[in-house]
Amino acid sequence: MFNAKNKTDMQTEKPTGNGTTLIGAGTTLKGDIHSNSDLRIDGTIIGNIHSTAKVVVGANGAVEGDITGLQADVIGKVAGNIKVKDLLQLRGDCTVNGNIYAGKLQVEPSATFNGQCHMGGAATPVLEASQRNGKAEKEAILQ
């Protein structure tokens, strides 16, 4: 009566929205995260983050572990290595203690970074090796 679609049409529809996962302020999560969509962290993560999309660490966000993804935008605190294929932005009063592997890097003057930086061609082999190791780890866990 209200909708001409039947149940099978409704089951094949894809969800609308951007699919961003949010870890809210005041939330602490312990363990590794694997995501195929964008991830925004305003809480605390104690563990490694593996994403095939963009990872954003908000102003109140903190990560104690490594971050691997397509892009990353850090405004909060990261204690660990960051490996991104494309653009890494260190913004605002962010603090990063760890090594960086990125295709491109943008650092604002107020950001703090302590570690080694590998960019462009030097970062690509490390990123590819990291992804192969991640697949091996995932396969080992599944068996």
N, C-alpha and C. Protein backbone atom coordinates (compact mmCIF):
# COMPACT_ATOMS: atom_id res chain seq x y z
N MET A 1 0.81 -1.18 0.00
CA MET A 1 0.00 0.00 0.00
C MET A 1 0.86 1.26 0.00
N PHE A 2 1.84 1.32 0.90
CA PHE A 2 2.67 2.51 0.98
C PHE A 2 3.91 2.43 0.10
N ASN A 3 4.34 1.20 -0.19
CA ASN A 3 5.58 1.02 -0.92
C ASN A 3 5.37 -0.07 -1.97
N ALA A 4 5.71 0.23 -3.20
CA ALA A 4 5.49 -0.73 -4.28
C ALA A 4 6.59 -1.79 -4.32
N LYS A 5 7.64 -1.65 -3.55
CA LYS A 5 8.74 -2.61 -3.56
C LYS A 5 8.37 -3.85 -2.78
N ASN A 6 8.77 -5.01 -3.30
CA ASN A 6 8.54 -6.23 -2.54
C ASN A 6 9.77 -6.54 -1.68
N LYS A 7 9.71 -7.62 -0.91
CA LYS A 7 10.79 -7.94 0.03
C LYS A 7 12.11 -8.23 -0.68
N THR A 8 12.11 -8.87 -1.83
CA THR A 8 13.35 -9.19 -2.53
C THR A 8 14.04 -7.92 -3.03
N ASP A 9 13.27 -6.92 -3.46
CA ASP A 9 13.86 -5.65 -3.88
C ASP A 9 14.54 -4.96 -2.70
N MET A 10 13.93 -5.04 -1.55
CA MET A 10 14.47 -4.38 -0.37
C MET A 10 15.75 -5.07 0.11
N GLN A 11 15.87 -6.38 -0.08
CA GLN A 11 17.05 -7.11 0.37
C GLN A 11 18.26 -6.81 -0.50
N THR A 12 18.08 -6.48 -1.78
CA THR A 12 19.21 -6.25 -2.68
C THR A 12 19.69 -4.81 -2.65
N GLU A 13 18.95 -3.92 -1.97
CA GLU A 13 19.38 -2.52 -1.91
C GLU A 13 20.62 -2.40 -1.04
N LYS A 14 21.53 -1.57 -1.47
CA LYS A 14 22.73 -1.33 -0.69
C LYS A 14 22.47 -0.22 0.31
N PRO A 15 23.07 -0.31 1.49
CA PRO A 15 22.84 0.73 2.48
C PRO A 15 23.39 2.07 2.01
N THR A 16 22.68 3.13 2.34
CA THR A 16 23.15 4.46 1.99
C THR A 16 23.99 4.99 3.14
N GLY A 17 24.79 6.00 2.89
CA GLY A 17 25.68 6.55 3.90
C GLY A 17 27.11 6.27 3.49
N ASN A 18 28.03 6.89 4.22
CA ASN A 18 29.43 6.77 3.83
C ASN A 18 30.14 5.60 4.49
N GLY A 19 29.52 4.92 5.44
CA GLY A 19 30.13 3.74 6.04
C GLY A 19 31.28 4.03 6.97
N THR A 20 31.36 5.21 7.53
CA THR A 20 32.45 5.55 8.44
C THR A 20 32.18 4.95 9.82
N THR A 21 33.19 4.29 10.36
CA THR A 21 33.10 3.72 11.70
C THR A 21 33.64 4.74 12.69
N LEU A 22 32.92 4.97 13.79
CA LEU A 22 33.31 5.97 14.78
C LEU A 22 33.58 5.30 16.12
N ILE A 23 34.75 5.56 16.67
CA ILE A 23 35.07 5.17 18.05
C ILE A 23 34.96 6.47 18.84
N GLY A 24 33.89 6.61 19.61
CA GLY A 24 33.55 7.86 20.26
C GLY A 24 34.43 8.21 21.45
N ALA A 25 34.41 9.50 21.82
CA ALA A 25 35.15 9.99 22.97
C ALA A 25 34.66 9.26 24.21
N GLY A 26 35.58 8.93 25.10
CA GLY A 26 35.25 8.21 26.32
C GLY A 26 35.25 6.70 26.15
N THR A 27 35.47 6.22 24.92
CA THR A 27 35.51 4.78 24.65
C THR A 27 36.95 4.32 24.55
N THR A 28 37.27 3.21 25.23
CA THR A 28 38.58 2.59 25.12
C THR A 28 38.40 1.21 24.55
N LEU A 29 39.13 0.91 23.49
CA LEU A 29 39.03 -0.37 22.83
C LEU A 29 40.40 -1.03 22.83
N LYS A 30 40.49 -2.27 23.32
CA LYS A 30 41.75 -3.01 23.34
C LYS A 30 41.66 -4.14 22.33
N GLY A 31 42.59 -4.16 21.39
CA GLY A 31 42.61 -5.19 20.36
C GLY A 31 42.84 -4.57 19.00
N ASP A 32 43.13 -5.41 18.02
CA ASP A 32 43.40 -4.95 16.67
C ASP A 32 42.09 -4.71 15.93
N ILE A 33 42.10 -3.72 15.04
CA ILE A 33 40.94 -3.38 14.23
C ILE A 33 41.30 -3.56 12.76
N HIS A 34 40.43 -4.26 12.02
CA HIS A 34 40.56 -4.41 10.57
C HIS A 34 39.30 -3.83 9.96
N SER A 35 39.45 -2.85 9.05
CA SER A 35 38.29 -2.17 8.48
C SER A 35 38.47 -1.95 6.99
N ASN A 36 37.36 -2.09 6.26
CA ASN A 36 37.37 -1.79 4.82
C ASN A 36 36.76 -0.42 4.53
N SER A 37 36.34 0.29 5.58
CA SER A 37 35.74 1.61 5.39
C SER A 37 36.52 2.63 6.22
N ASP A 38 36.16 3.89 6.05
CA ASP A 38 36.81 4.95 6.81
C ASP A 38 36.61 4.72 8.30
N LEU A 39 37.58 5.17 9.08
CA LEU A 39 37.55 4.98 10.52
C LEU A 39 37.92 6.28 11.21
N ARG A 40 37.09 6.74 12.15
CA ARG A 40 37.38 7.94 12.92
C ARG A 40 37.49 7.57 14.38
N ILE A 41 38.59 7.99 15.01
CA ILE A 41 38.85 7.64 16.41
C ILE A 41 38.86 8.91 17.24
N ASP A 42 37.88 9.03 18.13
CA ASP A 42 37.84 10.13 19.08
C ASP A 42 38.05 9.60 20.50
N GLY A 43 38.14 8.29 20.64
CA GLY A 43 38.40 7.66 21.93
C GLY A 43 39.84 7.15 21.96
N THR A 44 40.05 6.02 22.64
CA THR A 44 41.39 5.44 22.79
C THR A 44 41.40 4.03 22.22
N ILE A 45 42.38 3.73 21.40
CA ILE A 45 42.58 2.40 20.84
C ILE A 45 43.93 1.89 21.34
N ILE A 46 43.93 0.72 21.95
CA ILE A 46 45.17 0.07 22.36
C ILE A 46 45.27 -1.18 21.49
N GLY A 47 45.98 -1.07 20.40
CA GLY A 47 46.11 -2.15 19.43
C GLY A 47 46.39 -1.57 18.06
N ASN A 48 46.58 -2.43 17.10
CA ASN A 48 46.92 -2.01 15.74
C ASN A 48 45.66 -1.79 14.91
N ILE A 49 45.75 -0.87 13.95
CA ILE A 49 44.64 -0.55 13.06
C ILE A 49 45.07 -0.84 11.63
N HIS A 50 44.29 -1.66 10.93
CA HIS A 50 44.53 -1.96 9.52
C HIS A 50 43.27 -1.56 8.76
N SER A 51 43.40 -0.62 7.82
CA SER A 51 42.26 -0.16 7.06
C SER A 51 42.62 -0.07 5.59
N THR A 52 41.65 -0.33 4.73
CA THR A 52 41.86 -0.16 3.30
C THR A 52 41.37 1.21 2.85
N ALA A 53 41.00 2.06 3.80
CA ALA A 53 40.48 3.39 3.51
C ALA A 53 41.22 4.42 4.37
N LYS A 54 40.53 5.46 4.78
CA LYS A 54 41.14 6.56 5.54
C LYS A 54 40.94 6.36 7.03
N VAL A 55 41.99 6.67 7.80
CA VAL A 55 41.93 6.62 9.26
C VAL A 55 42.12 8.04 9.78
N VAL A 56 41.18 8.50 10.62
CA VAL A 56 41.27 9.84 11.22
C VAL A 56 41.36 9.66 12.74
N VAL A 57 42.41 10.25 13.33
CA VAL A 57 42.54 10.28 14.78
C VAL A 57 42.17 11.70 15.19
N GLY A 58 41.00 11.86 15.83
CA GLY A 58 40.48 13.17 16.20
C GLY A 58 41.31 13.83 17.29
N ALA A 59 40.98 15.07 17.61
CA ALA A 59 41.73 15.86 18.58
C ALA A 59 41.80 15.19 19.95
N ASN A 60 40.74 14.49 20.36
CA ASN A 60 40.73 13.79 21.64
C ASN A 60 41.10 12.32 21.50
N GLY A 61 41.42 11.89 20.29
CA GLY A 61 41.73 10.48 20.02
C GLY A 61 43.16 10.13 20.37
N ALA A 62 43.36 8.86 20.72
CA ALA A 62 44.69 8.34 21.02
C ALA A 62 44.79 6.91 20.53
N VAL A 63 45.91 6.58 19.91
CA VAL A 63 46.17 5.23 19.43
C VAL A 63 47.52 4.78 19.98
N GLU A 64 47.51 3.63 20.65
CA GLU A 64 48.74 3.00 21.12
C GLU A 64 48.92 1.74 20.30
N GLY A 65 49.54 1.88 19.14
CA GLY A 65 49.74 0.78 18.21
C GLY A 65 50.00 1.33 16.83
N ASP A 66 50.21 0.44 15.89
CA ASP A 66 50.51 0.83 14.52
C ASP A 66 49.24 1.09 13.73
N ILE A 67 49.33 2.03 12.78
CA ILE A 67 48.22 2.35 11.88
C ILE A 67 48.66 2.06 10.45
N THR A 68 47.86 1.29 9.72
CA THR A 68 48.13 0.99 8.32
C THR A 68 46.87 1.29 7.53
N GLY A 69 47.00 2.06 6.44
CA GLY A 69 45.81 2.38 5.65
C GLY A 69 46.16 3.08 4.35
N LEU A 70 45.11 3.50 3.65
CA LEU A 70 45.28 4.22 2.40
C LEU A 70 45.70 5.66 2.67
N GLN A 71 44.99 6.31 3.61
CA GLN A 71 45.29 7.69 4.01
C GLN A 71 45.11 7.78 5.51
N ALA A 72 45.74 8.79 6.12
CA ALA A 72 45.54 9.03 7.55
C ALA A 72 45.60 10.52 7.82
N ASP A 73 44.81 10.93 8.80
CA ASP A 73 44.73 12.32 9.23
C ASP A 73 44.81 12.30 10.75
N VAL A 74 45.93 12.79 11.30
CA VAL A 74 46.15 12.71 12.75
C VAL A 74 46.06 14.11 13.35
N ILE A 75 45.14 14.25 14.32
CA ILE A 75 44.99 15.50 15.05
C ILE A 75 45.27 15.24 16.53
N GLY A 76 45.12 13.99 16.96
CA GLY A 76 45.33 13.58 18.35
C GLY A 76 46.71 13.01 18.57
N LYS A 77 46.77 11.86 19.29
CA LYS A 77 48.06 11.26 19.67
C LYS A 77 48.18 9.85 19.13
N VAL A 78 49.37 9.55 18.61
CA VAL A 78 49.67 8.20 18.14
C VAL A 78 51.03 7.79 18.69
N ALA A 79 51.06 6.63 19.36
CA ALA A 79 52.31 6.04 19.83
C ALA A 79 52.48 4.73 19.07
N GLY A 80 53.13 4.80 17.92
CA GLY A 80 53.30 3.64 17.05
C GLY A 80 53.63 4.09 15.64
N ASN A 81 53.93 3.15 14.79
CA ASN A 81 54.27 3.46 13.40
C ASN A 81 53.01 3.71 12.58
N ILE A 82 53.13 4.60 11.60
CA ILE A 82 52.02 4.91 10.68
C ILE A 82 52.49 4.59 9.27
N LYS A 83 51.72 3.73 8.58
CA LYS A 83 52.05 3.34 7.21
C LYS A 83 50.84 3.60 6.33
N VAL A 84 50.96 4.57 5.40
CA VAL A 84 49.87 4.88 4.49
C VAL A 84 50.40 4.92 3.06
N LYS A 85 49.57 4.46 2.12
CA LYS A 85 49.97 4.45 0.71
C LYS A 85 49.95 5.84 0.11
N ASP A 86 48.99 6.65 0.52
CA ASP A 86 48.79 7.94 -0.12
C ASP A 86 49.22 9.07 0.81
N LEU A 87 48.30 9.88 1.28
CA LEU A 87 48.61 11.10 2.03
C LEU A 87 48.45 10.91 3.53
N LEU A 88 49.47 11.33 4.27
CA LEU A 88 49.41 11.39 5.73
C LEU A 88 49.46 12.85 6.12
N GLN A 89 48.46 13.28 6.92
CA GLN A 89 48.42 14.67 7.40
C GLN A 89 48.60 14.68 8.91
N LEU A 90 49.58 15.45 9.39
CA LEU A 90 49.79 15.66 10.82
C LEU A 90 49.31 17.08 11.09
N ARG A 91 48.17 17.19 11.77
CA ARG A 91 47.50 18.49 11.90
C ARG A 91 47.39 18.94 13.34
N GLY A 92 47.20 20.24 13.49
CA GLY A 92 46.94 20.82 14.81
C GLY A 92 48.06 20.54 15.79
N ASP A 93 47.67 20.21 17.02
CA ASP A 93 48.64 19.92 18.07
C ASP A 93 48.87 18.42 18.23
N CYS A 94 48.86 17.70 17.12
CA CYS A 94 49.02 16.25 17.20
C CYS A 94 50.42 15.88 17.69
N THR A 95 50.51 14.67 18.24
CA THR A 95 51.79 14.12 18.67
C THR A 95 51.92 12.72 18.10
N VAL A 96 53.00 12.47 17.36
CA VAL A 96 53.26 11.15 16.81
C VAL A 96 54.63 10.70 17.29
N ASN A 97 54.67 9.58 18.01
CA ASN A 97 55.92 8.97 18.45
C ASN A 97 56.02 7.61 17.77
N GLY A 98 56.75 7.59 16.66
CA GLY A 98 56.90 6.37 15.87
C GLY A 98 57.35 6.73 14.47
N ASN A 99 57.66 5.72 13.70
CA ASN A 99 58.13 5.94 12.34
C ASN A 99 56.96 6.11 11.38
N ILE A 100 57.22 6.86 10.31
CA ILE A 100 56.19 7.15 9.31
C ILE A 100 56.64 6.61 7.96
N TYR A 101 55.71 5.94 7.27
CA TYR A 101 55.92 5.46 5.91
C TYR A 101 54.73 5.97 5.10
N ALA A 102 54.97 6.89 4.18
CA ALA A 102 53.86 7.50 3.45
C ALA A 102 54.26 7.87 2.04
N GLY A 103 53.27 7.86 1.14
CA GLY A 103 53.51 8.33 -0.21
C GLY A 103 53.73 9.84 -0.21
N LYS A 104 52.89 10.55 0.54
CA LYS A 104 52.99 12.01 0.67
C LYS A 104 52.77 12.37 2.14
N LEU A 105 53.40 13.45 2.57
CA LEU A 105 53.29 13.88 3.97
C LEU A 105 53.03 15.37 4.04
N GLN A 106 52.07 15.74 4.89
CA GLN A 106 51.78 17.15 5.14
C GLN A 106 51.83 17.35 6.65
N VAL A 107 52.70 18.25 7.11
CA VAL A 107 52.88 18.50 8.53
C VAL A 107 52.63 19.97 8.82
N GLU A 108 51.71 20.24 9.74
CA GLU A 108 51.47 21.62 10.16
C GLU A 108 52.53 22.02 11.19
N PRO A 109 52.85 23.30 11.29
CA PRO A 109 53.91 23.76 12.20
C PRO A 109 53.68 23.41 13.67
N SER A 110 52.44 23.29 14.09
CA SER A 110 52.15 23.00 15.50
C SER A 110 52.21 21.51 15.83
N ALA A 111 52.38 20.64 14.83
CA ALA A 111 52.43 19.19 15.06
C ALA A 111 53.78 18.78 15.61
N THR A 112 53.78 17.68 16.40
CA THR A 112 55.01 17.13 16.96
C THR A 112 55.20 15.72 16.43
N PHE A 113 56.38 15.43 15.89
CA PHE A 113 56.68 14.12 15.33
C PHE A 113 58.07 13.68 15.78
N ASN A 114 58.16 12.51 16.39
CA ASN A 114 59.44 11.95 16.81
C ASN A 114 59.58 10.56 16.21
N GLY A 115 60.49 10.42 15.27
CA GLY A 115 60.71 9.14 14.60
C GLY A 115 61.34 9.35 13.25
N GLN A 116 61.41 8.29 12.47
CA GLN A 116 61.96 8.37 11.13
C GLN A 116 60.83 8.50 10.12
N CYS A 117 61.14 9.16 9.01
CA CYS A 117 60.15 9.36 7.96
C CYS A 117 60.66 8.75 6.66
N HIS A 118 59.83 7.92 6.04
CA HIS A 118 60.14 7.31 4.75
C HIS A 118 59.02 7.68 3.81
N MET A 119 59.37 8.34 2.69
CA MET A 119 58.34 8.81 1.76
C MET A 119 58.59 8.34 0.35
N GLY A 120 57.52 8.40 -0.43
CA GLY A 120 57.60 8.12 -1.86
C GLY A 120 58.05 6.70 -2.14
N GLY A 121 59.02 6.54 -3.04
CA GLY A 121 59.51 5.23 -3.46
C GLY A 121 60.12 4.43 -2.33
N ALA A 122 60.72 5.09 -1.34
CA ALA A 122 61.34 4.37 -0.22
C ALA A 122 60.29 3.73 0.68
N ALA A 123 59.10 4.29 0.72
CA ALA A 123 58.05 3.77 1.59
C ALA A 123 57.28 2.64 0.94
N THR A 124 57.22 2.58 -0.39
CA THR A 124 56.39 1.61 -1.10
C THR A 124 56.77 0.16 -0.79
N PRO A 125 58.04 -0.25 -0.86
CA PRO A 125 58.36 -1.65 -0.55
C PRO A 125 57.98 -2.04 0.88
N VAL A 126 58.16 -1.13 1.81
CA VAL A 126 57.81 -1.41 3.21
C VAL A 126 56.31 -1.60 3.34
N LEU A 127 55.51 -0.77 2.67
CA LEU A 127 54.05 -0.90 2.73
C LEU A 127 53.59 -2.21 2.13
N GLU A 128 54.17 -2.60 0.99
CA GLU A 128 53.78 -3.85 0.35
C GLU A 128 54.15 -5.04 1.23
N ALA A 129 55.31 -5.02 1.85
CA ALA A 129 55.72 -6.10 2.74
C ALA A 129 54.78 -6.17 3.94
N SER A 130 54.39 -5.02 4.45
CA SER A 130 53.48 -4.96 5.59
C SER A 130 52.14 -5.59 5.23
N GLN A 131 51.64 -5.31 4.04
CA GLN A 131 50.36 -5.86 3.61
C GLN A 131 50.46 -7.37 3.42
N ARG A 132 51.58 -7.87 2.88
CA ARG A 132 51.75 -9.32 2.73
C ARG A 132 51.78 -9.98 4.09
N ASN A 133 52.48 -9.39 5.05
CA ASN A 133 52.54 -9.95 6.40
C ASN A 133 51.17 -9.93 7.05
N GLY A 134 50.40 -8.88 6.81
CA GLY A 134 49.06 -8.79 7.36
C GLY A 134 48.16 -9.90 6.83
N LYS A 135 48.28 -10.21 5.51
CA LYS A 135 47.50 -11.30 4.93
C LYS A 135 47.91 -12.63 5.55
N ALA A 136 49.22 -12.84 5.72
CA ALA A 136 49.70 -14.08 6.31
C ALA A 136 49.19 -14.23 7.73
N GLU A 137 49.21 -13.13 8.49
CA GLU A 137 48.71 -13.17 9.86
C GLU A 137 47.22 -13.49 9.88
N LYS A 138 46.45 -12.87 8.99
CA LYS A 138 45.01 -13.10 8.93
C LYS A 138 44.72 -14.56 8.58
N GLU A 139 45.46 -15.11 7.59
CA GLU A 139 45.26 -16.49 7.19
C GLU A 139 45.62 -17.44 8.33
N ALA A 140 46.67 -17.15 9.08
CA ALA A 140 47.07 -17.98 10.21
C ALA A 140 46.01 -17.97 11.30
N ILE A 141 45.39 -16.81 11.52
CA ILE A 141 44.34 -16.71 12.52
C ILE A 141 43.11 -17.51 12.11
N LEU A 142 42.78 -17.48 10.83
CA LEU A 142 41.58 -18.16 10.34
C LEU A 142 41.74 -19.68 10.36
N GLN A 143 42.97 -20.19 10.35
CA GLN A 143 43.18 -21.65 10.30
C GLN A 143 43.13 -22.28 11.65
